[in-house]
Each structure stands twice: as C-alpha cells, then as structure tokens.
Amino acid sequence: MRFHETHEGDYRIYAGALEAPRGAGWTAALVVDREGDAPRGQRREAFRDDSLACGYRWRTPDEALRYAVGRARELIRSRSPQLAC
C-alpha cells in the first residue's frame, strides 16, 4: 500500500495505491474530506471510492496515485453533486 495526502481548497484528498487482489498491478482508492464547513477540528467525508475506474490495474503505484489525485481534483473543480455533504 502507498498513500498520498494533499489539499485542494477546502478539501483534503487522501489517495491510495493498493496491490491488486488476484494479480499483478495496483488499484486506486480515494477519500475526499470537506474541511471548510465542518466544526473546528472535524472533517466531513464528501466522497469515497475504494475501487476507482472499476478496479482498473495500473502497472505502478505512482500511476494509481496520480489517477486518484487527478480524479479528486476533477470532482472538486467541477463541484460534482457527488461531493455534496
């Protein structure tokens, strides 16, 4: 497992690259927390997907992490209804 954490505006992005079950490769996972409107010191989970791209297997963990962070930024920038808390 490999993880990466970053911020995008009022959101905190947690991306993960997980070793794919039953085979070679890495899958991508993602959690996006909204910080701006949560009570101090607390976060609200805005989006979670433990198997991005329907469980597609990337060759390296870096590729899976790049996809997860890119997907999170895309959701945030589009203000997707999936991010509604």
C-alpha atoms as a PDB file:
ATOM      1  CA  MET A   1       0.000   0.000   0.000  1.00  0.00           C
ATOM      2  CA  ARG A   2       1.079   3.517  -0.750  1.00  0.00           C
ATOM      3  CA  PHE A   3      -0.696   6.696   0.301  1.00  0.00           C
ATOM      4  CA  HIS A   4      -0.596  10.375  -0.599  1.00  0.00           C
ATOM      5  CA  GLU A   5      -2.322  13.291   1.109  1.00  0.00           C
ATOM      6  CA  THR A   6      -2.841  16.775  -0.316  1.00  0.00           C
ATOM      7  CA  HIS A   7      -5.149  19.803  -0.124  1.00  0.00           C
ATOM      8  CA  GLU A   8      -7.266  21.434  -2.800  1.00  0.00           C
ATOM      9  CA  GLY A   9      -9.117  24.500  -1.497  1.00  0.00           C
ATOM     10  CA  ASP A  10     -11.390  23.478   1.369  1.00  0.00           C
ATOM     11  CA  TYR A  11     -10.869  19.799   0.611  1.00  0.00           C
ATOM     12  CA  ARG A  12      -8.331  17.291   1.826  1.00  0.00           C
ATOM     13  CA  ILE A  13      -7.526  14.478  -0.570  1.00  0.00           C
ATOM     14  CA  TYR A  14      -6.395  11.061   0.626  1.00  0.00           C
ATOM     15  CA  ALA A  15      -5.256   8.881  -2.283  1.00  0.00           C
ATOM     16  CA  GLY A  16      -4.148   5.285  -2.065  1.00  0.00           C
ATOM     17  CA  ALA A  17      -2.488   2.738  -4.304  1.00  0.00           C
ATOM     18  CA  LEU A  18      -3.377  -0.796  -3.247  1.00  0.00           C
ATOM     19  CA  GLU A  19      -1.863  -4.022  -4.501  1.00  0.00           C
ATOM     20  CA  ALA A  20      -4.487  -5.583  -6.757  1.00  0.00           C
ATOM     21  CA  PRO A  21      -6.095  -8.747  -5.464  1.00  0.00           C
ATOM     22  CA  ARG A  22      -5.545 -11.898  -7.531  1.00  0.00           C
ATOM     23  CA  GLY A  23      -2.998 -10.483  -9.877  1.00  0.00           C
ATOM     24  CA  ALA A  24      -0.297  -8.034 -10.724  1.00  0.00           C
ATOM     25  CA  GLY A  25      -0.808  -4.318 -10.616  1.00  0.00           C
ATOM     26  CA  TRP A  26      -2.175  -1.598  -8.378  1.00  0.00           C
ATOM     27  CA  THR A  27      -5.692  -0.243  -7.884  1.00  0.00           C
ATOM     28  CA  ALA A  28      -6.526   3.326  -6.885  1.00  0.00           C
ATOM     29  CA  ALA A  29      -8.601   4.438  -3.896  1.00  0.00           C
ATOM     30  CA  LEU A  30      -9.748   7.883  -2.862  1.00  0.00           C
ATOM     31  CA  VAL A  31     -11.303   9.770   0.054  1.00  0.00           C
ATOM     32  CA  VAL A  32     -12.137  13.479  -0.147  1.00  0.00           C
ATOM     33  CA  ASP A  33     -12.960  15.336   3.075  1.00  0.00           C
ATOM     34  CA  ARG A  34     -14.504  18.800   3.160  1.00  0.00           C
ATOM     35  CA  GLU A  35     -12.941  20.967   5.841  1.00  0.00           C
ATOM     36  CA  GLY A  36     -14.450  24.415   5.264  1.00  0.00           C
ATOM     37  CA  ASP A  37     -17.928  23.973   6.760  1.00  0.00           C
ATOM     38  CA  ALA A  38     -17.162  21.300   9.367  1.00  0.00           C
ATOM     39  CA  PRO A  39     -16.956  22.118  13.078  1.00  0.00           C
ATOM     40  CA  ARG A  40     -13.436  23.033  14.142  1.00  0.00           C
ATOM     41  CA  GLY A  41     -11.083  20.085  14.147  1.00  0.00           C
ATOM     42  CA  GLN A  42     -13.564  17.833  12.347  1.00  0.00           C
ATOM     43  CA  ARG A  43     -13.909  16.793   8.734  1.00  0.00           C
ATOM     44  CA  ARG A  44     -16.831  15.696   6.642  1.00  0.00           C
ATOM     45  CA  GLU A  45     -16.329  12.933   4.159  1.00  0.00           C
ATOM     46  CA  ALA A  46     -17.522  14.228   0.819  1.00  0.00           C
ATOM     47  CA  PHE A  47     -16.547  11.336  -1.437  1.00  0.00           C
ATOM     48  CA  ARG A  48     -15.090   7.841  -1.141  1.00  0.00           C
ATOM     49  CA  ASP A  49     -14.271   5.219  -3.748  1.00  0.00           C
ATOM     50  CA  ASP A  50     -12.204   2.177  -2.838  1.00  0.00           C
ATOM     51  CA  SER A  51     -12.010   0.931  -6.407  1.00  0.00           C
ATOM     52  CA  LEU A  52     -11.607   3.840  -8.816  1.00  0.00           C
ATOM     53  CA  ALA A  53     -12.039   3.187 -12.532  1.00  0.00           C
ATOM     54  CA  CYS A  54     -13.924  -0.034 -11.716  1.00  0.00           C
ATOM     55  CA  GLY A  55     -10.812  -1.608 -10.234  1.00  0.00           C
ATOM     56  CA  TYR A  56      -8.533  -0.956 -13.204  1.00  0.00           C
ATOM     57  CA  ARG A  57      -4.992  -2.182 -12.515  1.00  0.00           C
ATOM     58  CA  TRP A  58      -2.158   0.266 -13.048  1.00  0.00           C
ATOM     59  CA  ARG A  59       1.372  -1.042 -13.603  1.00  0.00           C
ATOM     60  CA  THR A  60       2.931   1.047 -10.814  1.00  0.00           C
ATOM     61  CA  PRO A  61       1.698   2.571  -7.555  1.00  0.00           C
ATOM     62  CA  ASP A  62       2.702   6.030  -8.791  1.00  0.00           C
ATOM     63  CA  GLU A  63       0.352   5.698 -11.774  1.00  0.00           C
ATOM     64  CA  ALA A  64      -2.522   4.683  -9.482  1.00  0.00           C
ATOM     65  CA  LEU A  65      -1.823   7.598  -7.105  1.00  0.00           C
ATOM     66  CA  ARG A  66      -1.655  10.099  -9.973  1.00  0.00           C
ATOM     67  CA  TYR A  67      -5.010   8.892 -11.251  1.00  0.00           C
ATOM     68  CA  ALA A  68      -6.634   9.082  -7.798  1.00  0.00           C
ATOM     69  CA  VAL A  69      -5.400  12.624  -7.101  1.00  0.00           C
ATOM     70  CA  GLY A  70      -6.371  13.748 -10.598  1.00  0.00           C
ATOM     71  CA  ARG A  71      -9.856  12.282 -10.189  1.00  0.00           C
ATOM     72  CA  ALA A  72     -10.273  14.031  -6.833  1.00  0.00           C
ATOM     73  CA  ARG A  73      -9.240  17.379  -8.287  1.00  0.00           C
ATOM     74  CA  GLU A  74     -11.621  16.865 -11.191  1.00  0.00           C
ATOM     75  CA  LEU A  75     -14.517  16.203  -8.779  1.00  0.00           C
ATOM     76  CA  ILE A  76     -13.644  19.244  -6.668  1.00  0.00           C
ATOM     77  CA  ARG A  77     -13.242  21.635  -9.594  1.00  0.00           C
ATOM     78  CA  SER A  78     -16.494  20.541 -11.180  1.00  0.00           C
ATOM     79  CA  ARG A  79     -18.264  20.844  -7.809  1.00  0.00           C
ATOM     80  CA  SER A  80     -19.756  17.488  -8.580  1.00  0.00           C
ATOM     81  CA  PRO A  81     -23.041  16.602  -6.839  1.00  0.00           C
ATOM     82  CA  GLN A  82     -21.132  13.573  -5.528  1.00  0.00           C
ATOM     83  CA  LEU A  83     -19.306  15.986  -3.190  1.00  0.00           C
ATOM     84  CA  ALA A  84     -22.472  17.292  -1.549  1.00  0.00           C
ATOM     85  CA  CYS A  85     -22.349  16.793   2.199  1.00  0.00           C
END
